[in-house]
Protein backbone atom coordinates (compact mmCIF):
# COMPACT_ATOMS: atom_id res chain seq x y z
CA MET A 1 156.97 125.16 128.54
CA LEU A 2 157.08 121.96 130.52
CA GLN A 3 159.07 121.16 133.56
CA LEU A 4 160.10 117.58 134.50
CA GLU A 5 161.94 116.56 137.67
CA SER A 6 164.65 113.96 138.18
CA ASN A 7 165.69 112.82 141.70
CA SER A 8 168.07 110.15 140.58
CA LEU A 9 169.75 108.72 137.52
CA GLU A 10 167.09 105.85 137.51
CA ASP A 11 164.56 108.59 136.71
CA LEU A 12 166.31 109.60 133.55
CA GLY A 13 165.24 106.60 131.36
CA GLY A 14 161.53 107.41 131.89
CA LEU A 15 162.02 111.09 131.42
CA ALA A 16 163.99 110.57 128.21
CA LYS A 17 161.08 108.62 126.78
CA GLN A 18 158.63 111.32 127.67
CA ILE A 19 160.76 113.96 126.11
CA ILE A 20 160.84 112.14 122.74
CA LYS A 21 157.03 111.63 122.89
CA LEU A 22 156.29 115.27 123.67
CA THR A 23 157.57 116.75 120.44
CA ASN A 24 158.02 116.05 116.73
CA GLU A 25 161.06 118.24 116.51
CA ARG A 26 164.47 116.53 115.76
CA VAL A 27 166.78 119.26 116.90
CA PHE A 28 167.38 119.66 120.75
CA ALA A 29 169.65 122.23 122.26
CA PHE A 30 170.84 121.47 125.85
CA TYR A 31 171.61 124.15 128.26
CA GLY A 32 173.08 123.97 131.73
CA GLU A 33 176.13 124.31 133.87
CA MET A 34 179.14 122.03 133.60
CA GLY A 35 178.20 118.91 135.35
CA ALA A 36 174.43 119.66 135.11
CA GLY A 37 173.76 116.29 133.37
CA LYS A 38 173.40 117.14 129.67
CA THR A 39 175.56 114.35 128.38
CA THR A 40 173.86 111.80 130.69
CA LEU A 41 170.31 113.03 129.65
CA ILE A 42 171.39 112.84 125.88
CA LYS A 43 172.68 109.19 126.63
CA LYS A 44 169.21 108.22 128.08
CA ILE A 45 167.42 109.84 124.97
CA VAL A 46 169.66 108.17 122.41
CA GLU A 47 168.86 104.71 124.26
CA ALA A 48 165.13 105.65 124.29
CA LEU A 49 165.42 106.05 120.50
CA GLY A 50 166.69 102.48 120.24
CA SER A 51 170.33 102.89 119.86
CA GLU A 52 172.69 100.34 121.41
CA ASP A 53 175.77 102.34 120.56
CA GLU A 54 178.05 103.49 123.36
CA THR A 55 177.35 107.19 123.89
CA SER A 56 179.89 109.79 125.22
CA SER A 57 180.46 113.42 125.00
CA PRO A 58 182.07 114.52 121.70
CA THR A 59 184.19 117.15 123.42
CA PHE A 60 187.19 116.71 121.14
CA ALA A 61 185.41 115.42 117.92
CA LEU A 62 182.75 118.01 118.14
CA VAL A 63 180.23 115.38 116.78
CA ASN A 64 179.54 111.79 117.52
CA GLU A 65 177.22 109.64 115.48
CA TYR A 66 175.00 106.80 116.66
CA TYR A 67 172.63 104.54 114.93
CA SER A 68 169.18 103.17 115.85
CA GLN A 69 167.14 100.76 113.71
CA GLU A 70 164.08 102.68 114.74
CA VAL A 71 165.06 106.20 113.74
CA GLY A 72 168.37 105.94 111.81
CA THR A 73 171.38 108.13 112.38
CA ILE A 74 171.54 110.36 115.47
CA TYR A 75 173.95 113.18 115.90
CA HIS A 76 175.47 114.52 119.19
CA PHE A 77 177.42 117.79 119.21
CA ASP A 78 179.49 119.22 121.98
CA PHE A 79 180.57 122.87 121.12
CA PHE A 80 182.23 123.53 124.53
CA ARG A 81 185.74 123.90 123.01
CA ILE A 82 184.89 125.98 119.93
CA GLU A 83 186.07 129.61 119.89
CA THR A 84 183.95 130.80 116.78
CA GLU A 85 180.77 129.75 115.00
CA GLU A 86 182.98 129.36 111.89
CA GLU A 87 184.37 126.15 113.58
CA ALA A 88 180.96 124.63 113.42
CA PHE A 89 180.78 125.25 109.67
CA ASP A 90 184.16 123.55 109.31
CA ILE A 91 182.64 120.25 110.35
CA GLY A 92 179.65 120.64 108.06
CA TYR A 93 177.25 121.59 110.80
CA GLU A 94 174.52 122.60 108.55
CA ASP A 95 174.41 119.26 106.64
CA TYR A 96 173.93 117.47 109.95
CA ILE A 97 171.27 119.96 111.48
CA TYR A 98 169.21 120.07 108.21
CA SER A 99 169.44 116.31 107.63
CA GLY A 100 166.08 115.54 109.26
CA ASN A 101 167.87 113.21 111.76
CA TYR A 102 167.83 113.53 115.47
CA CYS A 103 170.44 116.13 116.66
CA PHE A 104 171.36 116.82 120.23
CA ILE A 105 173.61 119.82 120.90
CA GLU A 106 175.52 120.63 124.03
CA TRP A 107 176.66 124.25 124.62
CA PRO A 108 174.47 125.68 121.95
CA GLU A 109 175.15 129.10 123.26
CA LYS A 110 178.44 128.86 121.36
CA ILE A 111 176.57 128.67 118.10
CA ALA A 112 173.51 130.67 118.87
CA ASN A 113 173.26 132.36 115.55
CA LEU A 114 173.34 129.03 113.77
CA LEU A 115 170.50 127.25 115.45
CA PRO A 116 167.71 126.24 113.24
CA PRO A 117 164.43 128.17 113.10
CA THR A 118 162.67 125.45 115.18
CA TYR A 119 164.25 123.31 117.91
CA VAL A 120 163.48 122.16 121.48
CA ARG A 121 165.36 124.04 124.25
CA ILE A 122 166.22 121.77 127.18
CA THR A 123 167.57 123.65 130.31
CA ILE A 124 168.87 121.43 133.21
CA THR A 125 169.12 122.96 136.68
CA ASP A 126 170.01 121.84 140.13
CA GLN A 127 167.26 122.57 142.65
CA GLU A 128 167.28 121.30 146.12
CA SER A 129 168.90 117.85 145.35
CA LYS A 130 167.04 117.32 142.30
CA ARG A 131 167.43 118.17 138.58
CA VAL A 132 164.79 120.18 136.93
CA ILE A 133 164.53 119.78 133.21
CA THR A 134 162.65 122.52 131.38
CA LEU A 135 161.52 121.92 127.77
CA GLU A 136 160.48 124.83 125.42
CA GLU A 137 159.85 124.55 121.75
CA GLN A 138 161.59 127.51 119.99
CA ASN A 139 160.28 129.20 116.84
CA GLN A 140 162.60 131.92 115.58
């Protein structure tokens, strides 16, 4: 387990680069309250991976696709609005997750039984006017 701290939005670019360098995993599950900064951190990680695409939360589409010349296709999921895990299958979730491409998942607790055997769990919490970002590699 590793903890990183962010005191401002300016910190996130450097933290995003650190996160990518710390692991070879391609699937990242982001946990945190509404407004904790999951989408903002994902945006910075996508930028750190070399994508120039406009990033936004895929709340209604469930998945956004970005491209980087350095790493290829990047997938960004937001499962906040789904009611059942079956809805993730309806969008072809397994094809994305097992593609070998980077996958960033917001609200992974909605699909807890569908997470791959290994992934990086990132938890964002507010603590005394700073964000604490905890990384844990998961092996189920």
